[in-house]
Amino acid sequence: MTLARFRTIALLSLSFALAGTATAQQPMQDKQTYTVILKGRWTAAHFPHEYPVGAHFSGLIGASHVDGYALFREGAMPSVGLERLSETGRHTPLDGEVRTAITAGRAGMLFESGPLKDFGDSIVTTITVDAKFPLVSLVAMIAPSPDWFAGVASVDLREMGGWAARKSVDLIAYDSGGDDGATYTAVDADTSPKRATMRATTRHFAPDGKAMPVATVTFVRN
């Protein structure tokens, strides 16, 4: 092989390598839509202690966002919106809090769904992420309950320089810290002062002394 031919092959190889790198990185600059599928695992068979009549999840509410933003954070005080969601299942004013974060450039998109009343079924919705807002958080009330909710915070959908094709995450139960009720159907008893949001570790959600997932959420790239 001549020196000139060797150099030509080397330059072509380098060009293809650079093109491949650009292609691998490019998806991170684009918006990517995911189907969000929440499957309930909060059933009487798995969580027998005082399992309530009419058990269901409220509609999901969530957002794509930057690192550092949170719908909730374990050990932090609940927002007014999170407390309302956890006690009543209402999305307002949590939806307004998310819209304020969108205006401030901390969140990219608000998404919501209807409730899940049949645990043989699933909640299905969609979320769009991009390079600026690659993280997703979501919550749903565990109903009936004083102020318990299922949620997951800051799921990162980036993977190996691109977008993950599929990611599943378990959701555990949390106590928002807004109500003193200790049973599913306890009367309203506002906590004063409010407590920090913590994992729910009573027998309702930790039958064997260890918190068990009450749902699984799967993100599937479209």
Foldseek 3Di string as FASTA:
>chain_A
DDPVVVVVVVVVVVVVVVVVVCVLQVQQADKFKWKKKKAFPQDCVVQVDQDDPQWWWFKKKKFFFAPPDKCADFQAAHDPQLQCCQAPVDNPPVVVVQVVCCVVRGTPDMDIWGMGRDNVGITIDMYMAHNHRQFMKMKIYGPQARGKIWIDGTDGQDDPSHGNQKDKDFIFMKRNQFAPDDHSPDDGHGDVPGGHIHGDQPSSQPVPRDGDGRMMMMIHID
